[in-house]
Each structure stands twice: as structure tokens, then as C-alpha cells.
């Protein structure tokens, strides 16, 4: 019997989509307003899904308080009100697209959650644009 639990969190962050190997013209052509040299921000919604067999002693797949604390400590505190390009080590050499952000968040959490549990991360960049990893 596999059950999924979900935790929704929120963070605000700024970023700039930019490839340093390209000209300014190509960056503007590909990334448009998202290439603004002064950056731009989003109100990100994060949904973390953990699935597995409920523990026979607790009935939990994963303690929701622990999941909340884990996300807050390792993701929200790290990303919230930050400039992803400048303040977050993982994006010093990685373009902080929604696709790359969701993979970074997954990798951070995957190392903290038991391997016998499945993990999926969904990140809403806007109300209409979101990404999931793994797909």
C-alpha cells in the first residue's frame, strides 16, 4: 500500500536568465524580459511529494512536521528573498531557469530523505507556469 504526502511551501526570489557564452543580443532574443540585467523576481510555490509505505508503528509515510522543517531549513531559508544568480552557490555556474531550480531543490531534498521513499518536486514559477522533477 503506497501513499503520497504533500507539503506546499513558498519563497520569493530574483534571478536573471543569461548565458555568458552568448552575445547580449542573443541573450535578449532567447530570454526576453527574463534577461533583464537588473534581474526580476517570482513568488514561487513549491510542492514536495513523498510517497511510500506508511510506517506500521506511526502510520506516517513521512512526518509532515519534519518535512516542513526540512524544506524550510534547506530550501526556503536558502532561496527566500535571495538573488539566485548571486546568492545561491548552485547557480553560480548554472542558469537559474525553473527547470534547473527544481532539479537543484530535488537534489538537496533527495539527500535528506530516506532512499526507500519516492520524491517528486513541483515548482510553480507563476500561476500558469510550473515544472516537475523527476518527470
C-alpha atoms as a PDB file:
ATOM      1  CA  UNK A   1       0.000   0.000   0.000  1.00  0.00           C
ATOM      2  CA  UNK A   2       1.755   3.129  -1.238  1.00  0.00           C
ATOM      3  CA  UNK A   3       0.581   6.534  -0.016  1.00  0.00           C
ATOM      4  CA  UNK A   4       1.741  10.021  -1.008  1.00  0.00           C
ATOM      5  CA  UNK A   5       2.051  13.013   1.305  1.00  0.00           C
ATOM      6  CA  UNK A   6       2.472  16.563   0.039  1.00  0.00           C
ATOM      7  CA  UNK A   7       3.898  19.711   1.583  1.00  0.00           C
ATOM      8  CA  UNK A   8       3.399  23.117  -0.017  1.00  0.00           C
ATOM      9  CA  UNK A   9       5.834  25.939   0.720  1.00  0.00           C
ATOM     10  CA  UNK A  10       6.521  29.379  -0.677  1.00  0.00           C
ATOM     11  CA  UNK A  11       9.557  31.532  -1.355  1.00  0.00           C
ATOM     12  CA  UNK A  12      10.338  34.762  -3.208  1.00  0.00           C
ATOM     13  CA  UNK A  13      13.492  35.069  -5.250  1.00  0.00           C
ATOM     14  CA  UNK A  14      15.050  37.098  -8.037  1.00  0.00           C
ATOM     15  CA  UNK A  15      17.008  35.788 -10.982  1.00  0.00           C
ATOM     16  CA  UNK A  16      18.264  36.587 -14.438  1.00  0.00           C
ATOM     17  CA  UNK A  17      18.292  34.123 -17.301  1.00  0.00           C
ATOM     18  CA  UNK A  18      21.577  34.628 -19.077  1.00  0.00           C
ATOM     19  CA  UNK A  19      24.165  32.580 -20.941  1.00  0.00           C
ATOM     20  CA  UNK A  20      27.589  34.230 -20.529  1.00  0.00           C
ATOM     21  CA  UNK A  21      28.835  32.485 -23.680  1.00  0.00           C
ATOM     22  CA  UNK A  22      26.329  34.382 -25.829  1.00  0.00           C
ATOM     23  CA  UNK A  23      26.174  37.966 -27.013  1.00  0.00           C
ATOM     24  CA  UNK A  24      23.819  40.410 -25.318  1.00  0.00           C
ATOM     25  CA  UNK A  25      21.686  40.335 -28.459  1.00  0.00           C
ATOM     26  CA  UNK A  26      21.323  36.546 -28.434  1.00  0.00           C
ATOM     27  CA  UNK A  27      20.549  36.510 -24.697  1.00  0.00           C
ATOM     28  CA  UNK A  28      17.845  39.123 -25.201  1.00  0.00           C
ATOM     29  CA  UNK A  29      16.471  37.244 -28.204  1.00  0.00           C
ATOM     30  CA  UNK A  30      16.253  33.903 -26.354  1.00  0.00           C
ATOM     31  CA  UNK A  31      15.349  35.029 -22.817  1.00  0.00           C
ATOM     32  CA  UNK A  32      13.496  38.305 -23.500  1.00  0.00           C
ATOM     33  CA  UNK A  33      12.447  40.213 -20.361  1.00  0.00           C
ATOM     34  CA  UNK A  34      13.889  37.400 -18.224  1.00  0.00           C
ATOM     35  CA  UNK A  35      17.359  38.596 -19.302  1.00  0.00           C
ATOM     36  CA  UNK A  36      16.917  41.973 -17.595  1.00  0.00           C
ATOM     37  CA  UNK A  37      20.390  42.958 -16.334  1.00  0.00           C
ATOM     38  CA  UNK A  38      18.745  44.249 -13.126  1.00  0.00           C
ATOM     39  CA  UNK A  39      17.088  40.850 -12.533  1.00  0.00           C
ATOM     40  CA  UNK A  40      13.413  40.143 -11.899  1.00  0.00           C
ATOM     41  CA  UNK A  41      11.527  38.192  -9.250  1.00  0.00           C
ATOM     42  CA  UNK A  42       8.924  35.498  -8.726  1.00  0.00           C
ATOM     43  CA  UNK A  43       6.687  34.311  -5.921  1.00  0.00           C
ATOM     44  CA  UNK A  44       7.500  30.610  -6.180  1.00  0.00           C
ATOM     45  CA  UNK A  45       5.159  27.905  -4.922  1.00  0.00           C
ATOM     46  CA  UNK A  46       6.869  24.642  -4.080  1.00  0.00           C
ATOM     47  CA  UNK A  47       5.108  21.292  -3.678  1.00  0.00           C
ATOM     48  CA  UNK A  48       7.100  18.367  -2.357  1.00  0.00           C
ATOM     49  CA  UNK A  49       5.605  14.896  -2.731  1.00  0.00           C
ATOM     50  CA  UNK A  50       6.961  11.982  -0.697  1.00  0.00           C
ATOM     51  CA  UNK A  51       5.464   8.543  -1.282  1.00  0.00           C
ATOM     52  CA  UNK A  52       5.974   5.130   0.190  1.00  0.00           C
ATOM     53  CA  UNK A  53       4.523   2.597   2.592  1.00  0.00           C
ATOM     54  CA  UNK A  54       3.174   4.003   5.859  1.00  0.00           C
ATOM     55  CA  UNK A  55       5.262   3.028   8.879  1.00  0.00           C
ATOM     56  CA  UNK A  56       3.401   0.294  10.820  1.00  0.00           C
ATOM     57  CA  UNK A  57       4.177   1.968  14.171  1.00  0.00           C
ATOM     58  CA  UNK A  58       3.369   5.617  13.371  1.00  0.00           C
ATOM     59  CA  UNK A  59       1.101   5.334  10.350  1.00  0.00           C
ATOM     60  CA  UNK A  60       3.225   8.039   8.689  1.00  0.00           C
ATOM     61  CA  UNK A  61       4.822   7.839   5.265  1.00  0.00           C
ATOM     62  CA  UNK A  62       6.870  10.838   6.417  1.00  0.00           C
ATOM     63  CA  UNK A  63       6.246  13.083   9.409  1.00  0.00           C
ATOM     64  CA  UNK A  64       4.781  16.277   7.904  1.00  0.00           C
ATOM     65  CA  UNK A  65       6.369  18.483  10.590  1.00  0.00           C
ATOM     66  CA  UNK A  66       9.783  17.007   9.773  1.00  0.00           C
ATOM     67  CA  UNK A  67       9.136  17.501   6.048  1.00  0.00           C
ATOM     68  CA  UNK A  68       8.160  21.116   6.665  1.00  0.00           C
ATOM     69  CA  UNK A  69      11.279  21.709   8.770  1.00  0.00           C
ATOM     70  CA  UNK A  70      13.475  20.048   6.132  1.00  0.00           C
ATOM     71  CA  UNK A  71      12.106  22.215   3.314  1.00  0.00           C
ATOM     72  CA  UNK A  72      12.342  25.378   5.404  1.00  0.00           C
ATOM     73  CA  UNK A  73      15.920  24.752   6.530  1.00  0.00           C
ATOM     74  CA  UNK A  74      17.410  23.500   3.274  1.00  0.00           C
ATOM     75  CA  UNK A  75      15.328  25.250   0.592  1.00  0.00           C
ATOM     76  CA  UNK A  76      13.197  28.172   1.772  1.00  0.00           C
ATOM     77  CA  UNK A  77      15.833  29.696   4.064  1.00  0.00           C
ATOM     78  CA  UNK A  78      18.429  29.254   1.314  1.00  0.00           C
ATOM     79  CA  UNK A  79      16.345  30.735  -1.554  1.00  0.00           C
ATOM     80  CA  UNK A  80      13.816  33.120   0.042  1.00  0.00           C
ATOM     81  CA  UNK A  81      14.442  36.812  -0.694  1.00  0.00           C
ATOM     82  CA  UNK A  82      17.679  35.951  -2.455  1.00  0.00           C
ATOM     83  CA  UNK A  83      19.082  36.711  -5.855  1.00  0.00           C
ATOM     84  CA  UNK A  84      19.553  33.159  -7.129  1.00  0.00           C
ATOM     85  CA  UNK A  85      22.347  34.148  -9.535  1.00  0.00           C
ATOM     86  CA  UNK A  86      24.379  35.974  -6.903  1.00  0.00           C
ATOM     87  CA  UNK A  87      23.440  34.462  -3.532  1.00  0.00           C
ATOM     88  CA  UNK A  88      22.916  30.742  -4.131  1.00  0.00           C
ATOM     89  CA  UNK A  89      26.061  28.694  -4.727  1.00  0.00           C
ATOM     90  CA  UNK A  90      24.348  26.136  -7.005  1.00  0.00           C
ATOM     91  CA  UNK A  91      23.547  28.880  -9.548  1.00  0.00           C
ATOM     92  CA  UNK A  92      26.982  30.492  -9.750  1.00  0.00           C
ATOM     93  CA  UNK A  93      27.563  28.493 -12.970  1.00  0.00           C
ATOM     94  CA  UNK A  94      24.031  27.187 -13.710  1.00  0.00           C
ATOM     95  CA  UNK A  95      21.354  29.308 -15.390  1.00  0.00           C
ATOM     96  CA  UNK A  96      18.515  29.549 -12.809  1.00  0.00           C
ATOM     97  CA  UNK A  97      15.655  28.524 -15.096  1.00  0.00           C
ATOM     98  CA  UNK A  98      12.632  26.941 -13.423  1.00  0.00           C
ATOM     99  CA  UNK A  99      13.861  23.608 -14.803  1.00  0.00           C
ATOM    100  CA  UNK A 100      17.266  23.992 -13.165  1.00  0.00           C
ATOM    101  CA  UNK A 101      15.821  25.320  -9.897  1.00  0.00           C
ATOM    102  CA  UNK A 102      13.511  22.304  -9.496  1.00  0.00           C
ATOM    103  CA  UNK A 103      16.419  19.885 -10.110  1.00  0.00           C
ATOM    104  CA  UNK A 104      18.571  21.689  -7.525  1.00  0.00           C
ATOM    105  CA  UNK A 105      15.750  21.542  -4.964  1.00  0.00           C
ATOM    106  CA  UNK A 106      15.171  17.849  -5.698  1.00  0.00           C
ATOM    107  CA  UNK A 107      18.875  17.057  -5.247  1.00  0.00           C
ATOM    108  CA  UNK A 108      19.020  18.959  -1.952  1.00  0.00           C
ATOM    109  CA  UNK A 109      15.998  17.090  -0.573  1.00  0.00           C
ATOM    110  CA  UNK A 110      16.839  13.697  -2.091  1.00  0.00           C
ATOM    111  CA  UNK A 111      19.977  13.581   0.051  1.00  0.00           C
ATOM    112  CA  UNK A 112      17.912  14.244   3.193  1.00  0.00           C
ATOM    113  CA  UNK A 113      15.019  11.791   2.664  1.00  0.00           C
ATOM    114  CA  UNK A 114      15.352   8.028   3.040  1.00  0.00           C
ATOM    115  CA  UNK A 115      16.111   6.220  -0.230  1.00  0.00           C
ATOM    116  CA  UNK A 116      13.153   3.839   0.160  1.00  0.00           C
ATOM    117  CA  UNK A 117      10.771   6.803  -0.236  1.00  0.00           C
ATOM    118  CA  UNK A 118       9.921   8.291  -3.634  1.00  0.00           C
ATOM    119  CA  UNK A 119      10.329  12.034  -4.088  1.00  0.00           C
ATOM    120  CA  UNK A 120       8.844  14.417  -6.628  1.00  0.00           C
ATOM    121  CA  UNK A 121       9.190  18.195  -6.604  1.00  0.00           C
ATOM    122  CA  UNK A 122       6.832  20.611  -8.360  1.00  0.00           C
ATOM    123  CA  UNK A 123       7.756  24.270  -8.662  1.00  0.00           C
ATOM    124  CA  UNK A 124       5.330  26.981  -9.768  1.00  0.00           C
ATOM    125  CA  UNK A 125       7.149  29.999 -11.164  1.00  0.00           C
ATOM    126  CA  UNK A 126       3.827  31.676 -11.961  1.00  0.00           C
ATOM    127  CA  UNK A 127       0.214  30.565 -11.594  1.00  0.00           C
ATOM    128  CA  UNK A 128       0.346  29.152 -15.124  1.00  0.00           C
ATOM    129  CA  UNK A 129       3.969  28.016 -15.471  1.00  0.00           C
ATOM    130  CA  UNK A 130       5.333  25.128 -13.447  1.00  0.00           C
ATOM    131  CA  UNK A 131       7.877  22.333 -13.677  1.00  0.00           C
ATOM    132  CA  UNK A 132       8.242  18.905 -12.068  1.00  0.00           C
ATOM    133  CA  UNK A 133      11.226  16.697 -11.360  1.00  0.00           C
ATOM    134  CA  UNK A 134      11.563  13.870 -11.940  1.00  0.00           C
ATOM    135  CA  UNK A 135       9.218  13.955 -14.916  1.00  0.00           C
END
